[in-house]
Amino acid sequence: LFVDPLARADLPSQCQVVQISPLLRELILASFHLPAHYTPGGRD
C-alpha cells in the first residue's frame, strides 16, 4: 500500500514491523479494486 503521508495526521512516523489483522488483510485485497478517484460518501 502506498499512502499519502498527509492522509492522516497520526500515521506512524517510524519504520516498524507490524501485525496484519485479518480485517486489514482483506482491506488490502479490496484496495486493488479502488479507483484513483471515487464519489464521496460511497463504498470506495
All heavy atoms as atom14 arrays in JSON, in Angstrom:
{
  "sequence": "LFVDPLARADLPSQCQVVQISPLLRELILASFHLPAHYTPGGRD",
  "atom14_mask": [
    [1, 1, 1, 1, 1, 1, 1, 1, 0, 0, 0, 0, 0, 0],
    [1, 1, 1, 1, 1, 1, 1, 1, 1, 1, 1, 0, 0, 0],
    [1, 1, 1, 1, 1, 1, 1, 0, 0, 0, 0, 0, 0, 0],
    [1, 1, 1, 1, 1, 1, 1, 1, 0, 0, 0, 0, 0, 0],
    [1, 1, 1, 1, 1, 1, 1, 0, 0, 0, 0, 0, 0, 0],
    [1, 1, 1, 1, 1, 1, 1, 1, 0, 0, 0, 0, 0, 0],
    [1, 1, 1, 1, 1, 0, 0, 0, 0, 0, 0, 0, 0, 0],
    [1, 1, 1, 1, 1, 1, 1, 1, 1, 1, 1, 0, 0, 0],
    [1, 1, 1, 1, 1, 0, 0, 0, 0, 0, 0, 0, 0, 0],
    [1, 1, 1, 1, 1, 1, 1, 1, 0, 0, 0, 0, 0, 0],
    [1, 1, 1, 1, 1, 1, 1, 1, 0, 0, 0, 0, 0, 0],
    [1, 1, 1, 1, 1, 1, 1, 0, 0, 0, 0, 0, 0, 0],
    [1, 1, 1, 1, 1, 1, 0, 0, 0, 0, 0, 0, 0, 0],
    [1, 1, 1, 1, 1, 1, 1, 1, 1, 0, 0, 0, 0, 0],
    [1, 1, 1, 1, 1, 1, 0, 0, 0, 0, 0, 0, 0, 0],
    [1, 1, 1, 1, 1, 1, 1, 1, 1, 0, 0, 0, 0, 0],
    [1, 1, 1, 1, 1, 1, 1, 0, 0, 0, 0, 0, 0, 0],
    [1, 1, 1, 1, 1, 1, 1, 0, 0, 0, 0, 0, 0, 0],
    [1, 1, 1, 1, 1, 1, 1, 1, 1, 0, 0, 0, 0, 0],
    [1, 1, 1, 1, 1, 1, 1, 1, 0, 0, 0, 0, 0, 0],
    [1, 1, 1, 1, 1, 1, 0, 0, 0, 0, 0, 0, 0, 0],
    [1, 1, 1, 1, 1, 1, 1, 0, 0, 0, 0, 0, 0, 0],
    [1, 1, 1, 1, 1, 1, 1, 1, 0, 0, 0, 0, 0, 0],
    [1, 1, 1, 1, 1, 1, 1, 1, 0, 0, 0, 0, 0, 0],
    [1, 1, 1, 1, 1, 1, 1, 1, 1, 1, 1, 0, 0, 0],
    [1, 1, 1, 1, 1, 1, 1, 1, 1, 0, 0, 0, 0, 0],
    [1, 1, 1, 1, 1, 1, 1, 1, 0, 0, 0, 0, 0, 0],
    [1, 1, 1, 1, 1, 1, 1, 1, 0, 0, 0, 0, 0, 0],
    [1, 1, 1, 1, 1, 1, 1, 1, 0, 0, 0, 0, 0, 0],
    [1, 1, 1, 1, 1, 0, 0, 0, 0, 0, 0, 0, 0, 0],
    [1, 1, 1, 1, 1, 1, 0, 0, 0, 0, 0, 0, 0, 0],
    [1, 1, 1, 1, 1, 1, 1, 1, 1, 1, 1, 0, 0, 0],
    [1, 1, 1, 1, 1, 1, 1, 1, 1, 1, 0, 0, 0, 0],
    [1, 1, 1, 1, 1, 1, 1, 1, 0, 0, 0, 0, 0, 0],
    [1, 1, 1, 1, 1, 1, 1, 0, 0, 0, 0, 0, 0, 0],
    [1, 1, 1, 1, 1, 0, 0, 0, 0, 0, 0, 0, 0, 0],
    [1, 1, 1, 1, 1, 1, 1, 1, 1, 1, 0, 0, 0, 0],
    [1, 1, 1, 1, 1, 1, 1, 1, 1, 1, 1, 1, 0, 0],
    [1, 1, 1, 1, 1, 1, 1, 0, 0, 0, 0, 0, 0, 0],
    [1, 1, 1, 1, 1, 1, 1, 0, 0, 0, 0, 0, 0, 0],
    [1, 1, 1, 1, 0, 0, 0, 0, 0, 0, 0, 0, 0, 0],
    [1, 1, 1, 1, 0, 0, 0, 0, 0, 0, 0, 0, 0, 0],
    [1, 1, 1, 1, 1, 1, 1, 1, 1, 1, 1, 0, 0, 0],
    [1, 1, 1, 1, 1, 1, 1, 1, 0, 0, 0, 0, 0, 0]
  ],
  "atom14_positions": [
    [[0.85, -1.19, 0.0], [0.0, 0.0, 0.0], [0.89, 1.24, 0.0], [1.74, 1.39, 0.89], [-0.89, 0.04, 1.24], [-2.12, -0.86, 1.29], [-2.84, -0.65, 2.63], [-3.07, -0.56, 0.14], [0.0, 0.0, 0.0], [0.0, 0.0, 0.0], [0.0, 0.0, 0.0], [0.0, 0.0, 0.0], [0.0, 0.0, 0.0], [0.0, 0.0, 0.0]],
    [[0.75, 2.09, -0.98], [1.39, 3.39, -0.98], [0.39, 4.41, -0.45], [-0.75, 4.47, -0.93], [1.88, 3.76, -2.38], [3.02, 2.9, -2.84], [2.79, 1.78, -3.63], [4.33, 3.19, -2.46], [3.84, 0.98, -4.04], [5.38, 2.39, -2.87], [5.14, 1.28, -3.66], [0.0, 0.0, 0.0], [0.0, 0.0, 0.0], [0.0, 0.0, 0.0]],
    [[0.8, 5.18, 0.54], [-0.14, 6.02, 1.29], [0.36, 7.46, 1.31], [1.54, 7.72, 1.6], [-0.28, 5.51, 2.75], [-1.31, 6.35, 3.51], [-0.69, 4.03, 2.76], [0.0, 0.0, 0.0], [0.0, 0.0, 0.0], [0.0, 0.0, 0.0], [0.0, 0.0, 0.0], [0.0, 0.0, 0.0], [0.0, 0.0, 0.0], [0.0, 0.0, 0.0]],
    [[-0.53, 8.38, 1.03], [-0.23, 9.81, 1.14], [0.1, 10.11, 2.6], [-0.73, 9.88, 3.49], [-1.44, 10.62, 0.69], [-1.2, 12.13, 0.74], [-0.17, 12.56, 1.3], [-2.06, 12.87, 0.25], [0.0, 0.0, 0.0], [0.0, 0.0, 0.0], [0.0, 0.0, 0.0], [0.0, 0.0, 0.0], [0.0, 0.0, 0.0], [0.0, 0.0, 0.0]],
    [[1.31, 10.6, 2.91], [1.66, 10.86, 4.31], [0.78, 11.91, 4.98], [0.76, 12.0, 6.22], [3.12, 11.32, 4.23], [3.31, 11.78, 2.83], [2.39, 10.93, 1.98], [0.0, 0.0, 0.0], [0.0, 0.0, 0.0], [0.0, 0.0, 0.0], [0.0, 0.0, 0.0], [0.0, 0.0, 0.0], [0.0, 0.0, 0.0], [0.0, 0.0, 0.0]],
    [[0.07, 12.68, 4.18], [-0.83, 13.69, 4.74], [-2.27, 13.21, 4.82], [-3.16, 13.98, 5.2], [-0.76, 14.97, 3.89], [0.63, 15.62, 3.78], [0.56, 16.86, 2.89], [1.18, 15.96, 5.15], [0.0, 0.0, 0.0], [0.0, 0.0, 0.0], [0.0, 0.0, 0.0], [0.0, 0.0, 0.0], [0.0, 0.0, 0.0], [0.0, 0.0, 0.0]],
    [[-2.51, 11.93, 4.49], [-3.88, 11.4, 4.53], [-4.44, 11.42, 5.94], [-5.64, 11.62, 6.15], [-3.93, 9.98, 3.95], [0.0, 0.0, 0.0], [0.0, 0.0, 0.0], [0.0, 0.0, 0.0], [0.0, 0.0, 0.0], [0.0, 0.0, 0.0], [0.0, 0.0, 0.0], [0.0, 0.0, 0.0], [0.0, 0.0, 0.0], [0.0, 0.0, 0.0]],
    [[-3.59, 11.17, 6.92], [-3.95, 11.26, 8.34], [-2.78, 11.87, 9.1], [-1.62, 11.54, 8.83], [-4.27, 9.88, 8.92], [-5.55, 9.26, 8.4], [-6.78, 9.98, 8.97], [-8.01, 9.47, 8.39], [-8.68, 8.43, 8.87], [-8.21, 7.77, 9.93], [-9.79, 8.03, 8.3], [0.0, 0.0, 0.0], [0.0, 0.0, 0.0], [0.0, 0.0, 0.0]],
    [[-3.07, 12.71, 10.05], [-2.01, 13.39, 10.8], [-1.25, 12.45, 11.71], [-0.09, 12.71, 12.06], [-2.59, 14.55, 11.6], [0.0, 0.0, 0.0], [0.0, 0.0, 0.0], [0.0, 0.0, 0.0], [0.0, 0.0, 0.0], [0.0, 0.0, 0.0], [0.0, 0.0, 0.0], [0.0, 0.0, 0.0], [0.0, 0.0, 0.0], [0.0, 0.0, 0.0]],
    [[-1.88, 11.34, 12.13], [-1.27, 10.47, 13.13], [-0.86, 9.11, 12.56], [-0.84, 8.11, 13.27], [-2.2, 10.27, 14.32], [-3.59, 9.8, 13.92], [-3.87, 9.74, 12.7], [-4.39, 9.49, 14.81], [0.0, 0.0, 0.0], [0.0, 0.0, 0.0], [0.0, 0.0, 0.0], [0.0, 0.0, 0.0], [0.0, 0.0, 0.0], [0.0, 0.0, 0.0]],
    [[-0.49, 9.05, 11.29], [0.07, 7.82, 10.75], [1.44, 7.57, 11.41], [2.1, 8.52, 11.85], [0.23, 7.93, 9.23], [-1.06, 7.91, 8.41], [-0.76, 8.25, 6.95], [-1.76, 6.57, 8.52], [0.0, 0.0, 0.0], [0.0, 0.0, 0.0], [0.0, 0.0, 0.0], [0.0, 0.0, 0.0], [0.0, 0.0, 0.0], [0.0, 0.0, 0.0]],
    [[1.88, 6.31, 11.51], [3.17, 6.03, 12.16], [4.31, 6.84, 11.54], [4.36, 7.03, 10.32], [3.36, 4.53, 11.92], [1.98, 4.0, 11.75], [1.21, 5.07, 11.06], [0.0, 0.0, 0.0], [0.0, 0.0, 0.0], [0.0, 0.0, 0.0], [0.0, 0.0, 0.0], [0.0, 0.0, 0.0], [0.0, 0.0, 0.0], [0.0, 0.0, 0.0]],
    [[5.2, 7.32, 12.39], [6.28, 8.19, 11.94], [7.63, 7.47, 11.86], [8.62, 8.07, 11.45], [6.41, 9.39, 12.88], [6.69, 8.97, 14.2], [0.0, 0.0, 0.0], [0.0, 0.0, 0.0], [0.0, 0.0, 0.0], [0.0, 0.0, 0.0], [0.0, 0.0, 0.0], [0.0, 0.0, 0.0], [0.0, 0.0, 0.0], [0.0, 0.0, 0.0]],
    [[7.67, 6.19, 12.26], [8.92, 5.44, 12.26], [8.74, 4.1, 11.55], [7.63, 3.58, 11.48], [9.4, 5.2, 13.69], [9.73, 6.48, 14.45], [10.22, 6.2, 15.85], [9.94, 5.15, 16.43], [10.97, 7.13, 16.41], [0.0, 0.0, 0.0], [0.0, 0.0, 0.0], [0.0, 0.0, 0.0], [0.0, 0.0, 0.0], [0.0, 0.0, 0.0]],
    [[9.87, 3.56, 11.05], [9.83, 2.22, 10.48], [9.49, 1.22, 11.57], [9.98, 1.33, 12.7], [11.19, 1.85, 9.89], [11.71, 2.88, 8.51], [0.0, 0.0, 0.0], [0.0, 0.0, 0.0], [0.0, 0.0, 0.0], [0.0, 0.0, 0.0], [0.0, 0.0, 0.0], [0.0, 0.0, 0.0], [0.0, 0.0, 0.0], [0.0, 0.0, 0.0]],
    [[8.67, 0.22, 11.24], [8.31, -0.8, 12.22], [7.7, -2.01, 11.53], [6.97, -1.88, 10.56], [7.34, -0.24, 13.26], [6.13, 0.48, 12.68], [5.45, 1.42, 13.66], [6.09, 2.02, 14.5], [4.14, 1.53, 13.54], [0.0, 0.0, 0.0], [0.0, 0.0, 0.0], [0.0, 0.0, 0.0], [0.0, 0.0, 0.0], [0.0, 0.0, 0.0]],
    [[8.06, -3.2, 12.05], [7.41, -4.42, 11.6], [6.1, -4.55, 12.37], [6.06, -4.33, 13.59], [8.3, -5.65, 11.86], [7.58, -6.94, 11.45], [9.6, -5.52, 11.09], [0.0, 0.0, 0.0], [0.0, 0.0, 0.0], [0.0, 0.0, 0.0], [0.0, 0.0, 0.0], [0.0, 0.0, 0.0], [0.0, 0.0, 0.0], [0.0, 0.0, 0.0]],
    [[5.03, -4.89, 11.67], [3.71, -4.82, 12.28], [2.9, -6.09, 12.02], [3.12, -6.82, 11.06], [2.92, -3.6, 11.74], [3.58, -2.3, 12.15], [2.77, -3.67, 10.22], [0.0, 0.0, 0.0], [0.0, 0.0, 0.0], [0.0, 0.0, 0.0], [0.0, 0.0, 0.0], [0.0, 0.0, 0.0], [0.0, 0.0, 0.0], [0.0, 0.0, 0.0]],
    [[1.97, -6.31, 12.92], [0.98, -7.39, 12.75], [-0.08, -6.93, 11.76], [-0.54, -5.78, 11.82], [0.35, -7.71, 14.1], [-0.69, -8.8, 14.06], [-0.04, -10.14, 13.78], [0.92, -10.52, 14.45], [-0.54, -10.85, 12.81], [0.0, 0.0, 0.0], [0.0, 0.0, 0.0], [0.0, 0.0, 0.0], [0.0, 0.0, 0.0], [0.0, 0.0, 0.0]],
    [[-0.46, -7.8, 10.85], [-1.53, -7.51, 9.89], [-2.76, -8.28, 10.33], [-2.78, -9.51, 10.31], [-1.14, -7.9, 8.45], [0.15, -7.19, 8.02], [-2.28, -7.6, 7.49], [0.03, -5.69, 7.9], [0.0, 0.0, 0.0], [0.0, 0.0, 0.0], [0.0, 0.0, 0.0], [0.0, 0.0, 0.0], [0.0, 0.0, 0.0], [0.0, 0.0, 0.0]],
    [[-3.78, -7.57, 10.74], [-5.0, -8.21, 11.22], [-5.76, -8.82, 10.04], [-5.57, -8.42, 8.88], [-5.89, -7.2, 11.92], [-6.39, -6.24, 10.98], [0.0, 0.0, 0.0], [0.0, 0.0, 0.0], [0.0, 0.0, 0.0], [0.0, 0.0, 0.0], [0.0, 0.0, 0.0], [0.0, 0.0, 0.0], [0.0, 0.0, 0.0], [0.0, 0.0, 0.0]],
    [[-6.62, -9.81, 10.3], [-7.44, -10.36, 9.21], [-8.26, -9.28, 8.5], [-8.42, -9.34, 7.28], [-8.34, -11.37, 9.94], [-7.54, -11.8, 11.13], [-6.8, -10.56, 11.57], [0.0, 0.0, 0.0], [0.0, 0.0, 0.0], [0.0, 0.0, 0.0], [0.0, 0.0, 0.0], [0.0, 0.0, 0.0], [0.0, 0.0, 0.0], [0.0, 0.0, 0.0]],
    [[-8.74, -8.3, 9.27], [-9.52, -7.22, 8.65], [-8.65, -6.42, 7.68], [-9.05, -6.17, 6.53], [-10.08, -6.29, 9.73], [-10.77, -5.01, 9.23], [-11.94, -5.33, 8.31], [-11.2, -4.15, 10.41], [0.0, 0.0, 0.0], [0.0, 0.0, 0.0], [0.0, 0.0, 0.0], [0.0, 0.0, 0.0], [0.0, 0.0, 0.0], [0.0, 0.0, 0.0]],
    [[-7.46, -6.02, 8.13], [-6.6, -5.22, 7.25], [-6.17, -6.03, 6.03], [-6.06, -5.48, 4.93], [-5.38, -4.73, 8.03], [-4.41, -3.84, 7.24], [-5.12, -2.64, 6.64], [-3.25, -3.38, 8.13], [0.0, 0.0, 0.0], [0.0, 0.0, 0.0], [0.0, 0.0, 0.0], [0.0, 0.0, 0.0], [0.0, 0.0, 0.0], [0.0, 0.0, 0.0]],
    [[-5.9, -7.32, 6.22], [-5.52, -8.15, 5.08], [-6.61, -8.13, 4.01], [-6.31, -7.98, 2.81], [-5.27, -9.58, 5.54], [-4.81, -10.5, 4.41], [-4.47, -11.9, 4.92], [-5.64, -12.56, 5.5], [-5.76, -12.89, 6.77], [-4.79, -12.63, 7.63], [-6.83, -13.52, 7.21], [0.0, 0.0, 0.0], [0.0, 0.0, 0.0], [0.0, 0.0, 0.0]],
    [[-7.85, -8.26, 4.41], [-8.95, -8.23, 3.44], [-9.13, -6.84, 2.83], [-9.45, -6.7, 1.65], [-10.25, -8.69, 4.11], [-10.23, -10.14, 4.56], [-9.93, -11.1, 3.43], [-10.46, -10.89, 2.31], [-9.16, -12.05, 3.64], [0.0, 0.0, 0.0], [0.0, 0.0, 0.0], [0.0, 0.0, 0.0], [0.0, 0.0, 0.0], [0.0, 0.0, 0.0]],
    [[-8.89, -5.81, 3.64], [-8.99, -4.44, 3.12], [-7.91, -4.17, 2.08], [-8.16, -3.47, 1.08], [-8.89, -3.44, 4.27], [-10.1, -3.35, 5.21], [-9.75, -2.52, 6.43], [-11.31, -2.76, 4.48], [0.0, 0.0, 0.0], [0.0, 0.0, 0.0], [0.0, 0.0, 0.0], [0.0, 0.0, 0.0], [0.0, 0.0, 0.0], [0.0, 0.0, 0.0]],
    [[-6.7, -4.71, 2.31], [-5.64, -4.54, 1.33], [-6.03, -5.19, 0.01], [-5.84, -4.61, -1.07], [-4.32, -5.13, 1.86], [-3.79, -4.29, 3.04], [-3.27, -5.19, 0.74], [-2.59, -4.91, 3.73], [0.0, 0.0, 0.0], [0.0, 0.0, 0.0], [0.0, 0.0, 0.0], [0.0, 0.0, 0.0], [0.0, 0.0, 0.0], [0.0, 0.0, 0.0]],
    [[-6.61, -6.39, 0.07], [-7.07, -7.04, -1.15], [-8.16, -6.22, -1.85], [-8.17, -6.08, -3.07], [-7.6, -8.44, -0.82], [-6.56, -9.45, -0.3], [-7.23, -10.77, 0.06], [-5.46, -9.67, -1.35], [0.0, 0.0, 0.0], [0.0, 0.0, 0.0], [0.0, 0.0, 0.0], [0.0, 0.0, 0.0], [0.0, 0.0, 0.0], [0.0, 0.0, 0.0]],
    [[-9.07, -5.65, -1.05], [-10.14, -4.83, -1.62], [-9.59, -3.56, -2.26], [-10.17, -3.04, -3.22], [-11.16, -4.48, -0.54], [0.0, 0.0, 0.0], [0.0, 0.0, 0.0], [0.0, 0.0, 0.0], [0.0, 0.0, 0.0], [0.0, 0.0, 0.0], [0.0, 0.0, 0.0], [0.0, 0.0, 0.0], [0.0, 0.0, 0.0], [0.0, 0.0, 0.0]],
    [[-8.46, -3.07, -1.74], [-7.92, -1.8, -2.24], [-7.43, -1.9, -3.67], [-7.29, -0.89, -4.36], [-6.79, -1.32, -1.33], [-5.65, -2.16, -1.43], [0.0, 0.0, 0.0], [0.0, 0.0, 0.0], [0.0, 0.0, 0.0], [0.0, 0.0, 0.0], [0.0, 0.0, 0.0], [0.0, 0.0, 0.0], [0.0, 0.0, 0.0], [0.0, 0.0, 0.0]],
    [[-7.17, -3.13, -4.16], [-6.73, -3.28, -5.53], [-7.82, -2.91, -6.53], [-7.55, -2.67, -7.71], [-6.25, -4.71, -5.78], [-4.89, -5.0, -5.24], [-4.72, -5.47, -3.95], [-3.75, -4.75, -6.0], [-3.46, -5.73, -3.44], [-2.49, -4.99, -5.5], [-2.33, -5.48, -4.21], [0.0, 0.0, 0.0], [0.0, 0.0, 0.0], [0.0, 0.0, 0.0]],
    [[-9.04, -2.87, -6.06], [-10.16, -2.55, -6.95], [-10.64, -1.11, -6.77], [-11.64, -0.71, -7.38], [-11.32, -3.51, -6.68], [-10.93, -4.96, -6.8], [-10.65, -5.55, -8.01], [-10.75, -5.92, -5.85], [-10.32, -6.83, -7.8], [-10.37, -7.07, -6.5], [0.0, 0.0, 0.0], [0.0, 0.0, 0.0], [0.0, 0.0, 0.0], [0.0, 0.0, 0.0]],
    [[-9.93, -0.33, -5.95], [-10.34, 1.05, -5.73], [-9.89, 1.92, -6.9], [-8.73, 1.85, -7.32], [-9.74, 1.59, -4.44], [-10.22, 0.98, -3.12], [-9.42, 1.56, -1.95], [-11.71, 1.23, -2.92], [0.0, 0.0, 0.0], [0.0, 0.0, 0.0], [0.0, 0.0, 0.0], [0.0, 0.0, 0.0], [0.0, 0.0, 0.0], [0.0, 0.0, 0.0]],
    [[-10.75, 2.77, -7.42], [-10.33, 3.7, -8.47], [-9.49, 4.83, -7.87], [-9.54, 5.09, -6.66], [-11.66, 4.23, -9.02], [-12.6, 4.14, -7.85], [-12.18, 2.91, -7.08], [0.0, 0.0, 0.0], [0.0, 0.0, 0.0], [0.0, 0.0, 0.0], [0.0, 0.0, 0.0], [0.0, 0.0, 0.0], [0.0, 0.0, 0.0], [0.0, 0.0, 0.0]],
    [[-8.72, 5.5, -8.71], [-7.92, 6.63, -8.23], [-8.81, 7.75, -7.71], [-8.46, 8.44, -6.75], [-7.02, 7.14, -9.35], [0.0, 0.0, 0.0], [0.0, 0.0, 0.0], [0.0, 0.0, 0.0], [0.0, 0.0, 0.0], [0.0, 0.0, 0.0], [0.0, 0.0, 0.0], [0.0, 0.0, 0.0], [0.0, 0.0, 0.0], [0.0, 0.0, 0.0]],
    [[-9.96, 7.89, -8.32], [-10.91, 8.92, -7.89], [-12.29, 8.27, -7.74], [-12.71, 7.49, -8.61], [-10.97, 10.07, -8.89], [-9.63, 10.72, -9.13], [-9.02, 11.53, -8.2], [-8.78, 10.63, -10.18], [-7.85, 11.94, -8.67], [-7.69, 11.41, -9.88], [0.0, 0.0, 0.0], [0.0, 0.0, 0.0], [0.0, 0.0, 0.0], [0.0, 0.0, 0.0]],
    [[-12.95, 8.55, -6.65], [-14.24, 7.93, -6.39], [-15.22, 8.98, -5.87], [-14.85, 10.08, -5.46], [-14.1, 6.8, -5.38], [-13.27, 7.14, -4.18], [-13.74, 7.94, -3.14], [-11.96, 6.66, -4.08], [-12.95, 8.27, -2.06], [-11.16, 6.98, -2.99], [-11.66, 7.78, -1.98], [-10.88, 8.11, -0.92], [0.0, 0.0, 0.0], [0.0, 0.0, 0.0]],
    [[-16.5, 8.6, -5.9], [-17.56, 9.5, -5.45], [-17.56, 9.59, -3.93], [-17.59, 8.55, -3.25], [-18.93, 9.0, -5.94], [-18.9, 8.88, -7.37], [-20.03, 9.96, -5.51], [0.0, 0.0, 0.0], [0.0, 0.0, 0.0], [0.0, 0.0, 0.0], [0.0, 0.0, 0.0], [0.0, 0.0, 0.0], [0.0, 0.0, 0.0], [0.0, 0.0, 0.0]],
    [[-17.51, 10.78, -3.35], [-17.55, 10.91, -1.89], [-18.81, 10.28, -1.3], [-19.89, 10.35, -1.89], [-17.54, 12.43, -1.67], [-16.91, 12.99, -2.91], [-17.36, 12.08, -4.02], [0.0, 0.0, 0.0], [0.0, 0.0, 0.0], [0.0, 0.0, 0.0], [0.0, 0.0, 0.0], [0.0, 0.0, 0.0], [0.0, 0.0, 0.0], [0.0, 0.0, 0.0]],
    [[-18.63, 9.61, -0.15], [-19.77, 9.02, 0.54], [-20.09, 7.61, 0.13], [-20.94, 6.96, 0.75], [0.0, 0.0, 0.0], [0.0, 0.0, 0.0], [0.0, 0.0, 0.0], [0.0, 0.0, 0.0], [0.0, 0.0, 0.0], [0.0, 0.0, 0.0], [0.0, 0.0, 0.0], [0.0, 0.0, 0.0], [0.0, 0.0, 0.0], [0.0, 0.0, 0.0]],
    [[-19.39, 7.07, -0.88], [-19.69, 5.73, -1.36], [-18.83, 4.66, -0.7], [-18.02, 4.93, 0.2], [0.0, 0.0, 0.0], [0.0, 0.0, 0.0], [0.0, 0.0, 0.0], [0.0, 0.0, 0.0], [0.0, 0.0, 0.0], [0.0, 0.0, 0.0], [0.0, 0.0, 0.0], [0.0, 0.0, 0.0], [0.0, 0.0, 0.0], [0.0, 0.0, 0.0]],
    [[-18.98, 3.43, -1.16], [-18.27, 2.29, -0.59], [-16.75, 2.46, -0.72], [-16.0, 2.14, 0.21], [-18.71, 1.01, -1.29], [-17.97, -0.25, -0.83], [-18.5, -1.49, -1.55], [-17.82, -2.71, -1.12], [-16.7, -3.17, -1.65], [-16.13, -2.51, -2.67], [-16.15, -4.29, -1.2], [0.0, 0.0, 0.0], [0.0, 0.0, 0.0], [0.0, 0.0, 0.0]],
    [[-16.28, 2.95, -1.88], [-14.85, 3.1, -2.09], [-14.24, 4.06, -1.07], [-13.14, 3.8, -0.55], [-14.57, 3.61, -3.51], [-14.96, 2.59, -4.58], [-14.97, 1.38, -4.26], [-15.25, 2.99, -5.71], [0.0, 0.0, 0.0], [0.0, 0.0, 0.0], [0.0, 0.0, 0.0], [0.0, 0.0, 0.0], [0.0, 0.0, 0.0], [0.0, 0.0, 0.0]]
  ]
}
